[in-house]
Amino acid sequence: MILYFQNSKEIEREIGKPDTYNEANEMIDKFLSDHNFTSYYSRAWKENDRYMFDVGSHTEFFILDTCGEIVDKLEGL
């Protein structure tokens, strides 16, 4: 899996390569902490075979590309 951050100009940059969904969440939390951003909610959905995570900025997102891997916690989105 590959975790990306998409900025407000829709430019993506790789954040890391988590092995699990929980590890992806830890990477997101660390990124937010490193950038002094507090998330009061999060929501996720599937778009173009990738999982999008909105953490409250309205214009910036995290994207988890599972590279075809099935992630139980994300099934059904």
N, C-alpha and C. Protein backbone atom coordinates (compact mmCIF):
# COMPACT_ATOMS: atom_id res chain seq x y z
N MET A 1 0.84 -1.18 0.00
CA MET A 1 0.00 0.00 0.00
C MET A 1 0.89 1.25 0.00
N ILE A 2 0.34 2.32 -0.54
CA ILE A 2 1.05 3.60 -0.57
C ILE A 2 0.09 4.68 -0.07
N LEU A 3 0.57 5.48 0.87
CA LEU A 3 -0.23 6.58 1.42
C LEU A 3 0.29 7.89 0.83
N TYR A 4 -0.64 8.68 0.31
CA TYR A 4 -0.31 9.97 -0.29
C TYR A 4 -1.02 11.09 0.47
N PHE A 5 -0.44 12.27 0.39
CA PHE A 5 -1.11 13.49 0.83
C PHE A 5 -1.39 14.30 -0.42
N GLN A 6 -2.64 14.75 -0.58
CA GLN A 6 -3.03 15.57 -1.73
C GLN A 6 -3.31 16.98 -1.22
N ASN A 7 -2.54 17.95 -1.73
CA ASN A 7 -2.74 19.33 -1.26
C ASN A 7 -3.90 20.00 -1.98
N SER A 8 -4.13 21.25 -1.68
CA SER A 8 -5.29 21.98 -2.23
C SER A 8 -5.19 22.19 -3.74
N LYS A 9 -4.01 22.00 -4.32
CA LYS A 9 -3.83 22.11 -5.76
C LYS A 9 -3.89 20.74 -6.43
N GLU A 10 -4.32 19.73 -5.65
CA GLU A 10 -4.46 18.35 -6.09
C GLU A 10 -3.13 17.71 -6.48
N ILE A 11 -2.04 18.22 -5.91
CA ILE A 11 -0.73 17.62 -6.11
C ILE A 11 -0.52 16.59 -5.00
N GLU A 12 -0.17 15.38 -5.41
CA GLU A 12 0.02 14.29 -4.45
C GLU A 12 1.49 14.06 -4.17
N ARG A 13 1.78 13.75 -2.89
CA ARG A 13 3.14 13.35 -2.55
C ARG A 13 3.05 12.14 -1.63
N GLU A 14 3.98 11.25 -1.81
CA GLU A 14 3.98 10.03 -1.02
C GLU A 14 4.39 10.31 0.42
N ILE A 15 3.60 9.77 1.35
CA ILE A 15 3.87 9.92 2.77
C ILE A 15 4.58 8.68 3.30
N GLY A 16 4.19 7.51 2.83
CA GLY A 16 4.80 6.28 3.29
C GLY A 16 4.16 5.06 2.68
N LYS A 17 4.67 3.91 3.08
CA LYS A 17 4.16 2.63 2.59
C LYS A 17 3.75 1.77 3.78
N PRO A 18 2.53 2.00 4.26
CA PRO A 18 2.06 1.23 5.41
C PRO A 18 1.77 -0.21 5.03
N ASP A 19 1.94 -1.09 6.00
CA ASP A 19 1.63 -2.51 5.79
C ASP A 19 0.19 -2.83 6.18
N THR A 20 -0.39 -1.99 7.03
CA THR A 20 -1.75 -2.24 7.51
C THR A 20 -2.54 -0.94 7.51
N TYR A 21 -3.86 -1.09 7.65
CA TYR A 21 -4.73 0.08 7.77
C TYR A 21 -4.38 0.89 9.02
N ASN A 22 -4.12 0.20 10.13
CA ASN A 22 -3.75 0.89 11.37
C ASN A 22 -2.46 1.68 11.22
N GLU A 23 -1.51 1.12 10.51
CA GLU A 23 -0.25 1.84 10.27
C GLU A 23 -0.49 3.07 9.41
N ALA A 24 -1.40 2.98 8.45
CA ALA A 24 -1.75 4.14 7.63
C ALA A 24 -2.33 5.24 8.50
N ASN A 25 -3.21 4.87 9.44
CA ASN A 25 -3.78 5.85 10.36
C ASN A 25 -2.71 6.50 11.23
N GLU A 26 -1.75 5.72 11.68
CA GLU A 26 -0.65 6.27 12.48
C GLU A 26 0.17 7.27 11.66
N MET A 27 0.40 6.97 10.39
CA MET A 27 1.14 7.89 9.52
C MET A 27 0.36 9.18 9.31
N ILE A 28 -0.95 9.07 9.15
CA ILE A 28 -1.79 10.27 8.99
C ILE A 28 -1.72 11.11 10.27
N ASP A 29 -1.87 10.46 11.42
CA ASP A 29 -1.81 11.18 12.70
C ASP A 29 -0.48 11.89 12.89
N LYS A 30 0.61 11.22 12.52
CA LYS A 30 1.94 11.84 12.66
C LYS A 30 2.08 13.04 11.73
N PHE A 31 1.61 12.88 10.49
CA PHE A 31 1.67 13.98 9.52
C PHE A 31 0.90 15.19 10.04
N LEU A 32 -0.30 14.95 10.55
CA LEU A 32 -1.11 16.04 11.09
C LEU A 32 -0.42 16.71 12.27
N SER A 33 0.15 15.92 13.15
CA SER A 33 0.85 16.45 14.32
C SER A 33 2.07 17.27 13.89
N ASP A 34 2.83 16.75 12.94
CA ASP A 34 4.02 17.45 12.44
C ASP A 34 3.67 18.79 11.80
N HIS A 35 2.44 18.91 11.30
CA HIS A 35 2.00 20.15 10.65
C HIS A 35 1.03 20.96 11.51
N ASN A 36 1.01 20.63 12.81
CA ASN A 36 0.18 21.37 13.78
C ASN A 36 -1.27 21.51 13.35
N PHE A 37 -1.83 20.43 12.83
CA PHE A 37 -3.23 20.43 12.41
C PHE A 37 -4.00 19.49 13.31
N THR A 38 -5.10 19.96 13.86
CA THR A 38 -5.96 19.14 14.70
C THR A 38 -7.18 18.72 13.89
N SER A 39 -7.41 17.43 13.81
CA SER A 39 -8.56 16.91 13.10
C SER A 39 -9.66 16.60 14.10
N TYR A 40 -10.84 17.16 13.86
CA TYR A 40 -11.96 16.94 14.74
C TYR A 40 -12.90 15.85 14.22
N TYR A 41 -12.68 15.42 12.99
CA TYR A 41 -13.46 14.33 12.43
C TYR A 41 -12.68 13.73 11.27
N SER A 42 -13.11 12.58 10.82
CA SER A 42 -12.56 12.03 9.59
C SER A 42 -13.66 11.22 8.91
N ARG A 43 -13.57 11.17 7.62
CA ARG A 43 -14.48 10.34 6.84
C ARG A 43 -13.70 9.75 5.69
N ALA A 44 -14.15 8.64 5.20
CA ALA A 44 -13.43 7.95 4.13
C ALA A 44 -14.41 7.44 3.09
N TRP A 45 -13.94 7.36 1.85
CA TRP A 45 -14.73 6.80 0.77
C TRP A 45 -13.79 6.27 -0.30
N LYS A 46 -14.34 5.43 -1.15
CA LYS A 46 -13.55 4.85 -2.23
C LYS A 46 -13.78 5.63 -3.50
N GLU A 47 -12.70 5.97 -4.17
CA GLU A 47 -12.77 6.74 -5.41
C GLU A 47 -11.69 6.24 -6.36
N ASN A 48 -12.10 5.77 -7.53
CA ASN A 48 -11.14 5.27 -8.52
C ASN A 48 -10.20 4.22 -7.95
N ASP A 49 -10.74 3.27 -7.22
CA ASP A 49 -9.98 2.17 -6.63
C ASP A 49 -8.94 2.61 -5.60
N ARG A 50 -9.11 3.81 -5.06
CA ARG A 50 -8.26 4.29 -3.97
C ARG A 50 -9.16 4.82 -2.88
N TYR A 51 -8.65 4.83 -1.66
CA TYR A 51 -9.44 5.28 -0.52
C TYR A 51 -9.03 6.70 -0.15
N MET A 52 -10.03 7.58 -0.10
CA MET A 52 -9.82 8.98 0.21
C MET A 52 -10.17 9.22 1.66
N PHE A 53 -9.35 10.01 2.36
CA PHE A 53 -9.60 10.34 3.76
C PHE A 53 -9.64 11.86 3.92
N ASP A 54 -10.79 12.34 4.36
CA ASP A 54 -10.97 13.75 4.67
C ASP A 54 -10.82 13.89 6.18
N VAL A 55 -9.89 14.72 6.61
CA VAL A 55 -9.66 14.90 8.05
C VAL A 55 -10.04 16.30 8.52
N GLY A 56 -10.79 17.01 7.68
CA GLY A 56 -11.33 18.29 8.12
C GLY A 56 -10.79 19.53 7.44
N SER A 57 -9.92 19.40 6.46
CA SER A 57 -9.38 20.61 5.85
C SER A 57 -10.25 21.11 4.69
N HIS A 58 -11.10 20.28 4.13
CA HIS A 58 -12.00 20.60 3.01
C HIS A 58 -11.30 20.67 1.67
N THR A 59 -9.99 20.90 1.64
CA THR A 59 -9.28 21.00 0.36
C THR A 59 -8.08 20.06 0.26
N GLU A 60 -7.73 19.42 1.34
CA GLU A 60 -6.57 18.53 1.35
C GLU A 60 -7.01 17.16 1.88
N PHE A 61 -6.45 16.12 1.29
CA PHE A 61 -6.89 14.77 1.60
C PHE A 61 -5.70 13.83 1.71
N PHE A 62 -5.92 12.72 2.35
CA PHE A 62 -4.98 11.61 2.33
C PHE A 62 -5.58 10.56 1.42
N ILE A 63 -4.73 9.87 0.68
CA ILE A 63 -5.18 8.85 -0.26
C ILE A 63 -4.40 7.58 0.02
N LEU A 64 -5.12 6.49 0.20
CA LEU A 64 -4.49 5.20 0.41
C LEU A 64 -4.71 4.36 -0.83
N ASP A 65 -3.63 4.09 -1.54
CA ASP A 65 -3.67 3.21 -2.71
C ASP A 65 -3.29 1.83 -2.22
N THR A 66 -4.23 0.92 -2.25
CA THR A 66 -3.98 -0.42 -1.73
C THR A 66 -3.23 -1.30 -2.72
N CYS A 67 -3.00 -0.80 -3.92
CA CYS A 67 -2.28 -1.54 -4.96
C CYS A 67 -2.92 -2.91 -5.19
N GLY A 68 -4.24 -2.95 -5.16
CA GLY A 68 -4.98 -4.17 -5.40
C GLY A 68 -5.16 -5.06 -4.19
N GLU A 69 -4.57 -4.70 -3.08
CA GLU A 69 -4.68 -5.48 -1.84
C GLU A 69 -6.05 -5.24 -1.21
N ILE A 70 -6.64 -6.28 -0.66
CA ILE A 70 -7.93 -6.14 0.02
C ILE A 70 -7.67 -5.78 1.48
N VAL A 71 -8.29 -4.71 1.92
CA VAL A 71 -8.14 -4.24 3.31
C VAL A 71 -9.50 -4.38 3.97
N ASP A 72 -9.61 -5.37 4.88
CA ASP A 72 -10.90 -5.69 5.51
C ASP A 72 -11.60 -4.47 6.09
N LYS A 73 -10.87 -3.62 6.80
CA LYS A 73 -11.49 -2.48 7.48
C LYS A 73 -12.06 -1.46 6.51
N LEU A 74 -11.65 -1.54 5.24
CA LEU A 74 -12.12 -0.55 4.26
C LEU A 74 -13.16 -1.12 3.30
N GLU A 75 -13.41 -2.41 3.38
CA GLU A 75 -14.40 -3.01 2.49
C GLU A 75 -15.77 -2.43 2.79
N GLY A 76 -16.50 -2.16 1.75
CA GLY A 76 -17.84 -1.62 1.90
C GLY A 76 -17.93 -0.11 1.76
N LEU A 77 -16.79 0.56 1.67
CA LEU A 77 -16.83 2.01 1.49
C LEU A 77 -17.17 2.34 0.05
